[in-house]
Protein backbone atom coordinates (compact mmCIF):
# COMPACT_ATOMS: atom_id res chain seq x y z
CA UNK A 1 -43.66 -74.20 5.22
CA UNK A 2 -46.51 -72.45 6.90
CA UNK A 3 -45.34 -72.92 9.97
CA UNK A 4 -41.91 -71.15 8.96
CA UNK A 5 -44.37 -68.44 7.48
CA UNK A 6 -46.23 -68.09 11.05
CA UNK A 7 -42.86 -67.86 12.84
CA UNK A 8 -41.98 -65.50 10.47
CA UNK A 9 -44.38 -63.21 10.55
CA UNK A 10 -44.82 -63.42 14.59
CA UNK A 11 -40.71 -62.72 14.81
CA UNK A 12 -41.15 -59.82 11.82
CA UNK A 13 -43.59 -58.37 13.93
CA UNK A 14 -41.61 -58.39 17.39
CA UNK A 15 -39.03 -57.21 15.82
CA UNK A 16 -40.93 -53.95 15.07
CA UNK A 17 -42.22 -53.45 17.55
CA UNK A 18 -39.08 -53.66 19.49
CA UNK A 19 -37.41 -51.34 17.22
CA UNK A 20 -40.24 -48.98 17.59
CA UNK A 21 -39.78 -48.72 20.89
CA UNK A 22 -36.19 -48.76 21.67
CA UNK A 23 -35.70 -45.44 19.87
CA UNK A 24 -38.07 -43.87 22.77
CA UNK A 25 -36.97 -45.60 25.60
CA UNK A 26 -32.69 -44.58 24.46
CA UNK A 27 -34.36 -41.02 24.16
CA UNK A 28 -36.33 -41.37 27.79
CA UNK A 29 -32.82 -42.54 29.32
CA UNK A 30 -30.44 -39.52 28.06
CA UNK A 31 -32.48 -36.59 28.78
CA UNK A 32 -30.62 -33.59 29.53
CA UNK A 33 -33.26 -32.32 32.10
CA UNK A 34 -33.84 -34.69 34.52
CA UNK A 35 -31.96 -37.61 35.18
CA UNK A 36 -33.20 -40.99 35.75
CA UNK A 37 -31.64 -43.36 37.86
CA UNK A 38 -31.61 -46.62 37.23
CA UNK A 39 -31.24 -49.31 39.92
CA UNK A 40 -28.04 -52.14 39.05
CA UNK A 41 -29.02 -54.88 38.16
CA UNK A 42 -27.59 -58.31 36.04
CA UNK A 43 -29.09 -56.99 32.88
CA UNK A 44 -27.47 -53.00 32.79
CA UNK A 45 -30.83 -51.00 31.64
CA UNK A 46 -34.10 -51.85 30.52
CA UNK A 47 -32.98 -50.25 26.86
CA UNK A 48 -30.32 -53.17 27.16
CA UNK A 49 -32.00 -56.09 28.08
CA UNK A 50 -34.84 -55.17 25.72
CA UNK A 51 -32.10 -55.08 22.77
CA UNK A 52 -30.38 -58.03 23.54
CA UNK A 53 -32.80 -60.37 24.73
CA UNK A 54 -35.95 -59.33 22.64
CA UNK A 55 -34.94 -57.52 19.39
CA UNK A 56 -31.91 -59.49 18.33
CA UNK A 57 -33.65 -62.46 18.81
CA UNK A 58 -36.39 -61.42 16.86
CA UNK A 59 -34.47 -60.38 14.18
CA UNK A 60 -32.24 -63.52 13.58
CA UNK A 61 -35.43 -65.82 14.21
CA UNK A 62 -37.24 -63.16 11.30
CA UNK A 63 -34.20 -63.86 9.03
CA UNK A 64 -33.81 -67.29 9.67
CA UNK A 65 -37.42 -68.55 9.06
CA UNK A 66 -37.73 -66.04 5.87
CA UNK A 67 -34.69 -67.76 4.61
CA UNK A 68 -36.68 -71.08 5.26
CA UNK A 69 -39.41 -69.82 3.53
CA UNK A 70 -37.92 -68.67 0.64
CA UNK A 71 -35.54 -71.64 0.17
CA UNK A 72 -38.83 -73.71 0.62
CA UNK A 73 -40.82 -72.17 -1.94
CA UNK A 74 -37.85 -71.72 -4.69
CA UNK A 75 -39.33 -67.98 -5.50
CA UNK A 76 -37.07 -65.48 -7.26
CA UNK A 77 -38.89 -62.38 -8.19
CA UNK A 78 -38.92 -58.87 -8.20
CA UNK A 79 -40.65 -58.24 -5.19
CA UNK A 80 -38.42 -60.38 -3.04
CA UNK A 81 -35.17 -58.79 -4.26
CA UNK A 82 -36.75 -55.29 -3.10
CA UNK A 83 -38.29 -56.70 0.23
CA UNK A 84 -34.94 -58.10 0.68
CA UNK A 85 -33.32 -54.95 0.16
CA UNK A 86 -35.30 -53.34 2.35
CA UNK A 87 -34.74 -55.68 5.32
CA UNK A 88 -31.32 -54.84 4.82
CA UNK A 89 -32.43 -51.37 5.83
CA UNK A 90 -33.76 -52.54 8.82
CA UNK A 91 -30.59 -54.72 10.19
CA UNK A 92 -28.87 -51.50 9.69
CA UNK A 93 -31.23 -49.59 11.96
CA UNK A 94 -30.97 -52.25 14.20
CA UNK A 95 -27.13 -51.72 14.41
CA UNK A 96 -27.71 -48.26 14.48
CA UNK A 97 -30.39 -48.59 17.36
CA UNK A 98 -27.30 -50.84 19.21
CA UNK A 99 -25.11 -47.84 18.33
CA UNK A 100 -27.60 -44.99 20.12
CA UNK A 101 -27.79 -47.77 23.11
CA UNK A 102 -23.83 -47.74 23.49
CA UNK A 103 -23.86 -43.67 23.41
CA UNK A 104 -26.13 -43.30 26.19
CA UNK A 105 -24.17 -46.24 28.30
CA UNK A 106 -21.16 -43.99 28.59
CA UNK A 107 -23.28 -41.09 29.96
CA UNK A 108 -21.86 -38.60 28.14
CA UNK A 109 -23.64 -35.31 27.36
CA UNK A 110 -24.56 -35.36 24.61
CA UNK A 111 -27.92 -34.69 23.04
CA UNK A 112 -29.06 -38.01 21.16
CA UNK A 113 -33.18 -37.49 20.94
CA UNK A 114 -32.78 -35.91 17.44
CA UNK A 115 -30.77 -38.77 16.25
CA UNK A 116 -33.65 -41.21 18.60
CA UNK A 117 -36.52 -38.87 16.09
CA UNK A 118 -34.88 -39.41 12.66
CA UNK A 119 -33.80 -42.83 13.56
CA UNK A 120 -37.42 -43.95 14.45
CA UNK A 121 -38.61 -41.89 11.21
CA UNK A 122 -36.65 -44.43 8.88
CA UNK A 123 -37.39 -46.90 10.80
CA UNK A 124 -41.06 -46.39 10.43
CA UNK A 125 -40.99 -45.84 6.49
CA UNK A 126 -38.74 -49.45 6.19
CA UNK A 127 -40.98 -50.71 7.65
CA UNK A 128 -44.20 -49.89 5.94
CA UNK A 129 -42.37 -50.47 3.20
CA UNK A 130 -41.66 -53.72 3.97
CA UNK A 131 -45.19 -54.41 4.51
CA UNK A 132 -46.39 -52.81 1.12
CA UNK A 133 -44.47 -54.66 -1.01
CA UNK A 134 -45.22 -57.68 0.44
CA UNK A 135 -48.99 -57.14 0.30
CA UNK A 136 -48.79 -55.43 -3.02
CA UNK A 137 -46.86 -58.88 -4.48
CA UNK A 138 -50.43 -60.52 -5.51
CA UNK A 139 -51.65 -57.37 -6.70
CA UNK A 140 -48.18 -57.18 -9.02
CA UNK A 141 -48.61 -61.48 -10.10
CA UNK A 142 -52.48 -60.72 -11.18
CA UNK A 143 -51.11 -57.94 -13.65
CA UNK A 144 -49.12 -59.76 -15.19
């Protein structure tokens, strides 16, 4: 069980790091004044590679290993429901990051930097809330 928890934490950190990096990378690709020309490669772009080969597998690994930890511990508490609700928000943010990436792939002229900033702020808030809920859990058990 401890190995699944360690895998869950490592995958969650990798998922969060890639989700924090992707909006900045997308905003950098989709600048209005400077045209960045990336050489054609088999992955399409660096942002697409990070999304498909790092962020999404890390998200799936974090969710699967977290589910296994949940099943082995057999705990159903208020903090866990709150954490799972916040993780659903993070998954929605992951999907919105993918939509922004698709928007930059079609090379439209609409600016996406504002959306990238808003998405980064929401993702940071969700990540901070998840970490707070998990770390505040022992204090909640002591107070009861």
